[in-house]
PDB file of all heavy atoms in Angstrom:
ATOM      1  N   ASN A   1       0.865  -1.210  -0.020  1.00  0.00           N
ATOM      2  CA  ASN A   1       0.013  -0.001   0.025  1.00  0.00           C
ATOM      3  C   ASN A   1       0.865   1.263  -0.002  1.00  0.00           C
ATOM      4  O   ASN A   1       0.360   2.343   0.194  1.00  0.00           O
ATOM      5  CB  ASN A   1      -0.993   0.033   1.216  1.00  0.00           C
ATOM      6  CG  ASN A   1      -0.186   0.234   2.546  1.00  0.00           C
ATOM      7  OD1 ASN A   1       1.132   0.093   2.599  1.00  0.00           O
ATOM      8  ND2 ASN A   1      -0.893   0.471   3.610  1.00  0.00           N
ATOM      9  N   LYS A   2       2.175   1.061  -0.256  1.00  0.00           N
ATOM     10  CA  LYS A   2       3.151   2.167  -0.377  1.00  0.00           C
ATOM     11  C   LYS A   2       3.407   2.923   0.922  1.00  0.00           C
ATOM     12  O   LYS A   2       4.003   3.999   0.910  1.00  0.00           O
ATOM     13  CB  LYS A   2       2.663   3.152  -1.434  1.00  0.00           C
ATOM     14  CG  LYS A   2       2.551   2.533  -2.821  1.00  0.00           C
ATOM     15  CD  LYS A   2       2.095   3.602  -3.850  1.00  0.00           C
ATOM     16  CE  LYS A   2       1.992   3.023  -5.251  1.00  0.00           C
ATOM     17  NZ  LYS A   2       0.957   1.925  -5.306  1.00  0.00           N
ATOM     18  N   VAL A   3       3.044   2.320   2.033  1.00  0.00           N
ATOM     19  CA  VAL A   3       3.258   2.895   3.412  1.00  0.00           C
ATOM     20  C   VAL A   3       3.803   1.683   4.303  1.00  0.00           C
ATOM     21  O   VAL A   3       3.213   0.699   4.357  1.00  0.00           O
ATOM     22  CB  VAL A   3       2.061   3.467   4.021  1.00  0.00           C
ATOM     23  CG1 VAL A   3       2.370   3.966   5.472  1.00  0.00           C
ATOM     24  CG2 VAL A   3       1.531   4.598   3.212  1.00  0.00           C
ATOM     25  N   VAL A   4       4.971   1.971   4.863  1.00  0.00           N
ATOM     26  CA  VAL A   4       5.565   0.958   5.692  1.00  0.00           C
ATOM     27  C   VAL A   4       5.190   1.295   7.151  1.00  0.00           C
ATOM     28  O   VAL A   4       5.518   2.321   7.718  1.00  0.00           O
ATOM     29  CB  VAL A   4       7.046   0.919   5.606  1.00  0.00           C
ATOM     30  CG1 VAL A   4       7.622  -0.166   6.571  1.00  0.00           C
ATOM     31  CG2 VAL A   4       7.467   0.552   4.201  1.00  0.00           C
ATOM     32  N   ALA A   5       4.310   0.390   7.766  1.00  0.00           N
ATOM     33  CA  ALA A   5       3.776   0.636   9.089  1.00  0.00           C
ATOM     34  C   ALA A   5       3.593  -0.667   9.830  1.00  0.00           C
ATOM     35  O   ALA A   5       4.068  -1.732   9.385  1.00  0.00           O
ATOM     36  CB  ALA A   5       2.466   1.418   8.885  1.00  0.00           C
ATOM     37  N   ALA A   6       2.852  -0.644  10.906  1.00  0.00           N
ATOM     38  CA  ALA A   6       2.690  -1.804  11.763  1.00  0.00           C
ATOM     39  C   ALA A   6       2.120  -2.945  11.037  1.00  0.00           C
ATOM     40  O   ALA A   6       2.485  -4.120  11.294  1.00  0.00           O
ATOM     41  CB  ALA A   6       1.811  -1.397  12.974  1.00  0.00           C
ATOM     42  N   GLU A   7       1.188  -2.650  10.162  1.00  0.00           N
ATOM     43  CA  GLU A   7       0.488  -3.716   9.377  1.00  0.00           C
ATOM     44  C   GLU A   7       1.475  -4.606   8.598  1.00  0.00           C
ATOM     45  O   GLU A   7       1.404  -5.749   8.482  1.00  0.00           O
ATOM     46  CB  GLU A   7      -0.498  -3.160   8.374  1.00  0.00           C
ATOM     47  CG  GLU A   7      -1.723  -2.537   9.002  1.00  0.00           C
ATOM     48  CD  GLU A   7      -1.475  -1.099   9.594  1.00  0.00           C
ATOM     49  OE1 GLU A   7      -0.351  -0.605   9.416  1.00  0.00           O
ATOM     50  OE2 GLU A   7      -2.449  -0.513  10.050  1.00  0.00           O
ATOM     51  N   ASP A   8       2.552  -3.936   8.104  1.00  0.00           N
ATOM     52  CA  ASP A   8       3.613  -4.775   7.351  1.00  0.00           C
ATOM     53  C   ASP A   8       4.334  -5.609   8.347  1.00  0.00           C
ATOM     54  O   ASP A   8       4.709  -6.784   7.921  1.00  0.00           O
ATOM     55  CB  ASP A   8       4.593  -3.706   6.718  1.00  0.00           C
ATOM     56  CG  ASP A   8       3.841  -2.881   5.731  1.00  0.00           C
ATOM     57  OD1 ASP A   8       3.579  -3.385   4.602  1.00  0.00           O
ATOM     58  OD2 ASP A   8       3.628  -1.702   6.009  1.00  0.00           O
ATOM     59  N   LEU A   9       4.644  -5.196   9.568  1.00  0.00           N
ATOM     60  CA  LEU A   9       5.312  -6.051  10.524  1.00  0.00           C
ATOM     61  C   LEU A   9       4.486  -7.273  10.848  1.00  0.00           C
ATOM     62  O   LEU A   9       4.949  -8.452  10.899  1.00  0.00           O
ATOM     63  CB  LEU A   9       5.562  -5.289  11.783  1.00  0.00           C
ATOM     64  CG  LEU A   9       6.562  -4.113  11.762  1.00  0.00           C
ATOM     65  CD1 LEU A   9       6.563  -3.419  13.059  1.00  0.00           C
ATOM     66  CD2 LEU A   9       7.964  -4.671  11.446  1.00  0.00           C
ATOM     67  N   LEU A  10       3.213  -7.102  11.002  1.00  0.00           N
ATOM     68  CA  LEU A  10       2.274  -8.184  11.377  1.00  0.00           C
ATOM     69  C   LEU A  10       1.963  -9.104  10.249  1.00  0.00           C
ATOM     70  O   LEU A  10       1.638 -10.281  10.477  1.00  0.00           O
ATOM     71  CB  LEU A  10       0.999  -7.628  11.987  1.00  0.00           C
ATOM     72  CG  LEU A  10       1.217  -6.700  13.216  1.00  0.00           C
ATOM     73  CD1 LEU A  10      -0.176  -6.095  13.690  1.00  0.00           C
ATOM     74  CD2 LEU A  10       1.867  -7.470  14.328  1.00  0.00           C
ATOM     75  N   ARG A  11       2.040  -8.621   9.007  1.00  0.00           N
ATOM     76  CA  ARG A  11       1.801  -9.463   7.801  1.00  0.00           C
ATOM     77  C   ARG A  11       3.032 -10.215   7.301  1.00  0.00           C
ATOM     78  O   ARG A  11       2.901 -11.116   6.503  1.00  0.00           O
ATOM     79  CB  ARG A  11       1.230  -8.581   6.659  1.00  0.00           C
ATOM     80  CG  ARG A  11      -0.164  -8.095   6.926  1.00  0.00           C
ATOM     81  CD  ARG A  11      -0.594  -7.107   5.817  1.00  0.00           C
ATOM     82  NE  ARG A  11      -1.906  -6.546   6.037  1.00  0.00           N
ATOM     83  CZ  ARG A  11      -3.014  -7.093   5.427  1.00  0.00           C
ATOM     84  NH1 ARG A  11      -2.943  -8.184   4.715  1.00  0.00           N
ATOM     85  NH2 ARG A  11      -4.208  -6.559   5.636  1.00  0.00           N
ATOM     86  N   TRP A  12       4.187  -9.769   7.755  1.00  0.00           N
ATOM     87  CA  TRP A  12       5.426 -10.369   7.214  1.00  0.00           C
ATOM     88  C   TRP A  12       5.467 -11.841   7.501  1.00  0.00           C
ATOM     89  O   TRP A  12       5.146 -12.335   8.586  1.00  0.00           O
ATOM     90  CB  TRP A  12       6.680  -9.697   7.802  1.00  0.00           C
ATOM     91  CG  TRP A  12       7.880 -10.232   7.216  1.00  0.00           C
ATOM     92  CD1 TRP A  12       8.508  -9.865   6.062  1.00  0.00           C
ATOM     93  CD2 TRP A  12       8.814 -11.266   7.791  1.00  0.00           C
ATOM     94  NE1 TRP A  12       9.618 -10.594   5.813  1.00  0.00           N
ATOM     95  CE2 TRP A  12       9.837 -11.474   6.913  1.00  0.00           C
ATOM     96  CE3 TRP A  12       8.715 -12.019   8.962  1.00  0.00           C
ATOM     97  CZ2 TRP A  12      10.862 -12.330   7.160  1.00  0.00           C
ATOM     98  CZ3 TRP A  12       9.718 -12.889   9.191  1.00  0.00           C
ATOM     99  CH2 TRP A  12      10.756 -13.077   8.323  1.00  0.00           C
ATOM    100  N   ASN A  13       5.909 -12.607   6.393  1.00  0.00           N
ATOM    101  CA  ASN A  13       5.927 -14.064   6.532  1.00  0.00           C
ATOM    102  C   ASN A  13       7.278 -14.539   5.962  1.00  0.00           C
ATOM    103  O   ASN A  13       7.600 -14.204   4.826  1.00  0.00           O
ATOM    104  CB  ASN A  13       4.785 -14.743   5.729  1.00  0.00           C
ATOM    105  CG  ASN A  13       4.833 -16.224   5.821  1.00  0.00           C
ATOM    106  OD1 ASN A  13       5.613 -16.906   5.301  1.00  0.00           O
ATOM    107  ND2 ASN A  13       3.794 -16.794   6.551  1.00  0.00           N
ATOM    108  N   ARG A  14       8.028 -15.268   6.710  1.00  0.00           N
ATOM    109  CA  ARG A  14       9.336 -15.641   6.323  1.00  0.00           C
ATOM    110  C   ARG A  14       9.321 -16.417   5.021  1.00  0.00           C
ATOM    111  O   ARG A  14      10.281 -16.312   4.170  1.00  0.00           O
ATOM    112  CB  ARG A  14      10.054 -16.585   7.432  1.00  0.00           C
ATOM    113  CG  ARG A  14      11.409 -16.987   7.105  1.00  0.00           C
ATOM    114  CD  ARG A  14      11.909 -18.016   8.064  1.00  0.00           C
ATOM    115  NE  ARG A  14      12.241 -17.388   9.353  1.00  0.00           N
ATOM    116  CZ  ARG A  14      13.456 -17.038   9.756  1.00  0.00           C
ATOM    117  NH1 ARG A  14      14.416 -17.164   8.936  1.00  0.00           N
ATOM    118  NH2 ARG A  14      13.661 -16.451  10.921  1.00  0.00           N
ATOM    119  N   LEU A  15       8.320 -17.228   4.747  1.00  0.00           N
ATOM    120  CA  LEU A  15       8.207 -18.089   3.578  1.00  0.00           C
ATOM    121  C   LEU A  15       8.002 -17.263   2.356  1.00  0.00           C
ATOM    122  O   LEU A  15       8.572 -17.513   1.348  1.00  0.00           O
ATOM    123  CB  LEU A  15       7.046 -19.105   3.775  1.00  0.00           C
ATOM    124  CG  LEU A  15       7.053 -20.273   2.881  1.00  0.00           C
ATOM    125  CD1 LEU A  15       8.338 -21.069   2.995  1.00  0.00           C
ATOM    126  CD2 LEU A  15       5.858 -21.151   3.210  1.00  0.00           C
ATOM    127  N   PHE A  16       7.119 -16.245   2.398  1.00  0.00           N
ATOM    128  CA  PHE A  16       6.711 -15.449   1.263  1.00  0.00           C
ATOM    129  C   PHE A  16       7.359 -14.168   1.181  1.00  0.00           C
ATOM    130  O   PHE A  16       7.365 -13.534   0.052  1.00  0.00           O
ATOM    131  CB  PHE A  16       5.146 -15.317   1.201  1.00  0.00           C
ATOM    132  CG  PHE A  16       4.446 -16.594   1.338  1.00  0.00           C
ATOM    133  CD1 PHE A  16       3.749 -16.952   2.454  1.00  0.00           C
ATOM    134  CD2 PHE A  16       4.468 -17.504   0.319  1.00  0.00           C
ATOM    135  CE1 PHE A  16       3.003 -18.177   2.575  1.00  0.00           C
ATOM    136  CE2 PHE A  16       3.759 -18.712   0.350  1.00  0.00           C
ATOM    137  CZ  PHE A  16       3.098 -19.081   1.525  1.00  0.00           C
ATOM    138  N   ASP A  17       7.855 -13.591   2.219  1.00  0.00           N
ATOM    139  CA  ASP A  17       8.363 -12.175   2.240  1.00  0.00           C
ATOM    140  C   ASP A  17       9.814 -12.021   2.621  1.00  0.00           C
ATOM    141  O   ASP A  17      10.186 -11.045   3.149  1.00  0.00           O
ATOM    142  CB  ASP A  17       7.479 -11.318   3.228  1.00  0.00           C
ATOM    143  CG  ASP A  17       5.961 -11.462   2.781  1.00  0.00           C
ATOM    144  OD1 ASP A  17       5.604 -11.213   1.693  1.00  0.00           O
ATOM    145  OD2 ASP A  17       5.282 -11.654   3.730  1.00  0.00           O
ATOM    146  N   ALA A  18      10.649 -13.058   2.363  1.00  0.00           N
ATOM    147  CA  ALA A  18      11.998 -13.050   2.763  1.00  0.00           C
ATOM    148  C   ALA A  18      12.707 -11.871   2.204  1.00  0.00           C
ATOM    149  O   ALA A  18      13.547 -11.202   2.785  1.00  0.00           O
ATOM    150  CB  ALA A  18      12.706 -14.379   2.352  1.00  0.00           C
ATOM    151  N   ASP A  19      12.370 -11.448   0.958  1.00  0.00           N
ATOM    152  CA  ASP A  19      13.087 -10.354   0.300  1.00  0.00           C
ATOM    153  C   ASP A  19      12.688  -8.974   0.821  1.00  0.00           C
ATOM    154  O   ASP A  19      13.223  -7.948   0.515  1.00  0.00           O
ATOM    155  CB  ASP A  19      12.736 -10.408  -1.269  1.00  0.00           C
ATOM    156  CG  ASP A  19      11.192 -10.189  -1.504  1.00  0.00           C
ATOM    157  OD1 ASP A  19      10.407 -10.722  -0.720  1.00  0.00           O
ATOM    158  OD2 ASP A  19      10.928  -9.513  -2.507  1.00  0.00           O
ATOM    159  N   LYS A  20      11.668  -8.984   1.731  1.00  0.00           N
ATOM    160  CA  LYS A  20      11.160  -7.740   2.290  1.00  0.00           C
ATOM    161  C   LYS A  20      11.728  -7.395   3.708  1.00  0.00           C
ATOM    162  O   LYS A  20      11.321  -6.506   4.327  1.00  0.00           O
ATOM    163  CB  LYS A  20       9.656  -7.634   2.247  1.00  0.00           C
ATOM    164  CG  LYS A  20       9.067  -7.627   0.814  1.00  0.00           C
ATOM    165  CD  LYS A  20       7.529  -7.443   0.824  1.00  0.00           C
ATOM    166  CE  LYS A  20       6.967  -7.231  -0.562  1.00  0.00           C
ATOM    167  NZ  LYS A  20       7.158  -8.479  -1.330  1.00  0.00           N
ATOM    168  N   LEU A  21      12.523  -8.412   4.117  1.00  0.00           N
ATOM    169  CA  LEU A  21      13.055  -8.244   5.537  1.00  0.00           C
ATOM    170  C   LEU A  21      14.314  -7.413   5.488  1.00  0.00           C
ATOM    171  O   LEU A  21      15.254  -7.678   4.734  1.00  0.00           O
ATOM    172  CB  LEU A  21      13.376  -9.666   6.123  1.00  0.00           C
ATOM    173  CG  LEU A  21      13.872  -9.627   7.580  1.00  0.00           C
ATOM    174  CD1 LEU A  21      12.828  -9.177   8.541  1.00  0.00           C
ATOM    175  CD2 LEU A  21      14.429 -10.937   7.980  1.00  0.00           C
ATOM    176  N   LEU A  22      14.327  -6.337   6.245  1.00  0.00           N
ATOM    177  CA  LEU A  22      15.535  -5.474   6.417  1.00  0.00           C
ATOM    178  C   LEU A  22      16.336  -5.829   7.643  1.00  0.00           C
ATOM    179  O   LEU A  22      17.453  -5.457   7.762  1.00  0.00           O
ATOM    180  CB  LEU A  22      15.065  -3.999   6.438  1.00  0.00           C
ATOM    181  CG  LEU A  22      14.315  -3.498   5.205  1.00  0.00           C
ATOM    182  CD1 LEU A  22      13.840  -2.065   5.418  1.00  0.00           C
ATOM    183  CD2 LEU A  22      15.236  -3.562   3.971  1.00  0.00           C
ATOM    184  N   ALA A  23      15.633  -6.410   8.644  1.00  0.00           N
ATOM    185  CA  ALA A  23      16.300  -6.667   9.947  1.00  0.00           C
ATOM    186  C   ALA A  23      17.389  -7.741   9.777  1.00  0.00           C
ATOM    187  O   ALA A  23      17.401  -8.479   8.764  1.00  0.00           O
ATOM    188  CB  ALA A  23      15.224  -7.138  10.936  1.00  0.00           C
ATOM    189  N   ASP A  24      18.237  -7.852  10.703  1.00  0.00           N
ATOM    190  CA  ASP A  24      19.338  -8.778  10.748  1.00  0.00           C
ATOM    191  C   ASP A  24      18.760 -10.190  10.875  1.00  0.00           C
ATOM    192  O   ASP A  24      18.210 -10.567  11.875  1.00  0.00           O
ATOM    193  CB  ASP A  24      20.326  -8.486  11.845  1.00  0.00           C
ATOM    194  CG  ASP A  24      21.453  -9.451  11.872  1.00  0.00           C
ATOM    195  OD1 ASP A  24      22.125  -9.629  10.847  1.00  0.00           O
ATOM    196  OD2 ASP A  24      21.612 -10.093  12.963  1.00  0.00           O
ATOM    197  N   VAL A  25      18.967 -11.013   9.859  1.00  0.00           N
ATOM    198  CA  VAL A  25      18.386 -12.406   9.859  1.00  0.00           C
ATOM    199  C   VAL A  25      19.058 -13.220  11.007  1.00  0.00           C
ATOM    200  O   VAL A  25      18.323 -14.043  11.658  1.00  0.00           O
ATOM    201  CB  VAL A  25      18.635 -13.071   8.479  1.00  0.00           C
ATOM    202  CG1 VAL A  25      18.168 -14.530   8.527  1.00  0.00           C
ATOM    203  CG2 VAL A  25      17.971 -12.253   7.398  1.00  0.00           C
ATOM    204  N   ALA A  26      20.333 -12.997  11.265  1.00  0.00           N
ATOM    205  CA  ALA A  26      20.996 -13.864  12.245  1.00  0.00           C
ATOM    206  C   ALA A  26      20.342 -13.569  13.640  1.00  0.00           C
ATOM    207  O   ALA A  26      20.174 -14.465  14.472  1.00  0.00           O
ATOM    208  CB  ALA A  26      22.500 -13.514  12.273  1.00  0.00           C
ATOM    209  N   THR A  27      20.098 -12.293  13.933  1.00  0.00           N
ATOM    210  CA  THR A  27      19.452 -11.967  15.209  1.00  0.00           C
ATOM    211  C   THR A  27      18.038 -12.508  15.288  1.00  0.00           C
ATOM    212  O   THR A  27      17.591 -13.005  16.307  1.00  0.00           O
ATOM    213  CB  THR A  27      19.357 -10.423  15.403  1.00  0.00           C
ATOM    214  OG1 THR A  27      20.750  -9.949  15.279  1.00  0.00           O
ATOM    215  CG2 THR A  27      18.881 -10.082  16.755  1.00  0.00           C
ATOM    216  N   LEU A  28      17.302 -12.469  14.145  1.00  0.00           N
ATOM    217  CA  LEU A  28      15.941 -13.003  14.168  1.00  0.00           C
ATOM    218  C   LEU A  28      16.015 -14.495  14.402  1.00  0.00           C
ATOM    219  O   LEU A  28      15.233 -15.053  15.138  1.00  0.00           O
ATOM    220  CB  LEU A  28      15.347 -12.704  12.804  1.00  0.00           C
ATOM    221  CG  LEU A  28      13.828 -12.964  12.700  1.00  0.00           C
ATOM    222  CD1 LEU A  28      13.019 -12.127  13.704  1.00  0.00           C
ATOM    223  CD2 LEU A  28      13.350 -12.706  11.260  1.00  0.00           C
ATOM    224  N   ASP A  29      16.964 -15.263  13.732  1.00  0.00           N
ATOM    225  CA  ASP A  29      17.124 -16.666  13.986  1.00  0.00           C
ATOM    226  C   ASP A  29      17.510 -16.930  15.423  1.00  0.00           C
ATOM    227  O   ASP A  29      17.069 -17.916  16.013  1.00  0.00           O
ATOM    228  CB  ASP A  29      18.139 -17.235  13.025  1.00  0.00           C
ATOM    229  CG  ASP A  29      17.653 -17.273  11.605  1.00  0.00           C
ATOM    230  OD1 ASP A  29      16.404 -17.230  11.407  1.00  0.00           O
ATOM    231  OD2 ASP A  29      18.487 -17.324  10.657  1.00  0.00           O
ATOM    232  N   ALA A  30      18.323 -16.113  16.010  1.00  0.00           N
ATOM    233  CA  ALA A  30      18.733 -16.302  17.421  1.00  0.00           C
ATOM    234  C   ALA A  30      17.593 -16.165  18.394  1.00  0.00           C
ATOM    235  O   ALA A  30      17.422 -16.946  19.336  1.00  0.00           O
ATOM    236  CB  ALA A  30      19.813 -15.254  17.788  1.00  0.00           C
ATOM    237  N   ILE A  31      16.657 -15.248  18.053  1.00  0.00           N
ATOM    238  CA  ILE A  31      15.447 -15.084  18.856  1.00  0.00           C
ATOM    239  C   ILE A  31      14.582 -16.351  18.717  1.00  0.00           C
ATOM    240  O   ILE A  31      14.041 -16.881  19.739  1.00  0.00           O
ATOM    241  CB  ILE A  31      14.689 -13.847  18.470  1.00  0.00           C
ATOM    242  CG1 ILE A  31      15.509 -12.564  18.788  1.00  0.00           C
ATOM    243  CG2 ILE A  31      13.285 -13.744  19.065  1.00  0.00           C
ATOM    244  CD1 ILE A  31      14.846 -11.276  18.220  1.00  0.00           C
ATOM    245  N   SER A  32      14.399 -16.798  17.502  1.00  0.00           N
ATOM    246  CA  SER A  32      13.667 -18.071  17.303  1.00  0.00           C
ATOM    247  C   SER A  32      14.280 -19.236  18.096  1.00  0.00           C
ATOM    248  O   SER A  32      13.484 -19.934  18.725  1.00  0.00           O
ATOM    249  CB  SER A  32      13.556 -18.387  15.829  1.00  0.00           C
ATOM    250  OG  SER A  32      12.950 -17.350  15.126  1.00  0.00           O
ATOM    251  N   GLY A  33      15.521 -19.358  18.014  1.00  0.00           N
ATOM    252  CA  GLY A  33      16.208 -20.409  18.736  1.00  0.00           C
ATOM    253  C   GLY A  33      16.120 -20.290  20.208  1.00  0.00           C
ATOM    254  O   GLY A  33      15.963 -21.306  20.938  1.00  0.00           O
TER     255      GLY A  33
END
């Protein structure tokens, strides 16, 4: 919708939106682990 906001965080899906992640993947994986 051309606006980056809370809705984008909640809709983000690792499987379908990997190219839209700006955050550090290693840290995200560490949190999951």
